[in-house]
Protein backbone atom coordinates (compact mmCIF):
# COMPACT_ATOMS: atom_id res chain seq x y z
CA MET A 1 12.45 4.90 8.56
CA THR A 2 15.11 3.62 6.20
CA ALA A 3 14.68 3.25 2.46
CA TYR A 4 14.87 -0.51 2.95
CA SER A 5 12.01 -0.41 5.46
CA ASN A 6 9.97 1.76 3.10
CA VAL A 7 10.43 -0.67 0.22
CA LYS A 8 9.55 -3.66 2.43
CA GLN A 9 6.44 -1.84 3.68
CA CYS A 10 5.46 -0.98 0.11
CA LEU A 11 5.80 -4.64 -0.90
CA ALA A 12 3.56 -5.67 2.00
CA SER A 13 0.98 -3.11 0.91
CA MET A 14 1.15 -4.34 -2.66
CA ASN A 15 0.47 -7.89 -1.44
CA GLY A 16 -2.73 -6.64 0.18
CA ILE A 17 -3.75 -4.70 -2.91
CA GLU A 18 -3.16 -7.73 -5.10
CA ALA A 19 -5.35 -9.87 -2.84
CA GLN A 20 -8.13 -7.26 -2.87
CA LEU A 21 -8.05 -7.00 -6.66
CA SER A 22 -8.22 -10.78 -6.93
CA ASN A 23 -11.21 -10.81 -4.61
CA PHE A 24 -12.94 -8.08 -6.61
CA ALA A 25 -12.32 -9.99 -9.84
CA LEU A 26 -13.75 -13.19 -8.41
CA ASN A 27 -16.80 -11.55 -6.87
CA SER A 28 -17.74 -9.13 -9.64
CA GLN A 29 -20.83 -9.93 -11.67
CA ASP A 30 -19.76 -7.70 -14.57
CA GLU A 31 -17.33 -9.44 -16.94
CA GLU A 32 -15.75 -6.15 -18.00
CA ALA A 33 -15.09 -5.31 -14.36
CA GLN A 34 -13.69 -8.79 -13.77
CA GLN A 35 -11.25 -8.30 -16.62
CA ALA A 36 -10.24 -4.84 -15.39
CA PHE A 37 -9.61 -6.12 -11.86
CA HIS A 38 -7.67 -9.10 -13.20
CA LYS A 39 -5.54 -6.88 -15.44
CA ALA A 40 -4.82 -4.54 -12.52
CA MET A 41 -3.91 -7.55 -10.38
CA LEU A 42 -1.40 -8.69 -13.00
CA LEU A 43 0.14 -5.22 -13.13
CA VAL A 44 0.47 -5.18 -9.35
CA GLY A 45 2.19 -8.57 -9.62
CA GLU A 46 4.77 -7.05 -11.95
CA VAL A 47 5.36 -4.17 -9.53
CA LYS A 48 5.78 -6.70 -6.73
CA LYS A 49 8.46 -8.52 -8.73
CA ASP A 50 10.32 -5.24 -9.24
CA LEU A 51 10.09 -4.39 -5.54
CA GLN A 52 11.34 -7.85 -4.56
CA LYS A 53 14.25 -7.46 -6.97
CA ARG A 54 15.07 -4.10 -5.37
CA ILE A 55 14.92 -5.62 -1.88
CA THR A 56 17.34 -8.34 -2.97
CA GLU A 57 19.71 -5.71 -4.38
CA MET A 58 19.54 -3.71 -1.16
CA GLU A 59 20.25 -6.79 0.95
CA PHE A 60 23.24 -7.63 -1.26
CA LYS A 61 24.69 -4.10 -1.16
CA GLU A 62 23.91 -3.43 2.51
CA PRO A 63 24.75 -6.44 4.70
CA GLN A 64 22.82 -5.03 7.67
CA TYR A 65 19.58 -5.59 5.72
CA LYS A 66 20.16 -9.30 5.17
CA PRO A 67 17.54 -11.42 6.91
CA SER A 68 18.83 -13.52 9.79
């Protein structure tokens, strides 16, 4: 598997993690837990932005990775 594929797969996983954290935050009865899940979700969002930036860089530097 190429580095590009690994980064894309990681981004897809992070999307799932972000959705799970959001669900946990919404469904938790404990306000402290809600805040912790929400904070973690925001951190994952930042990581996702960094991964997307890296994917864009890879697509720019390696034309074979550009989406059709």
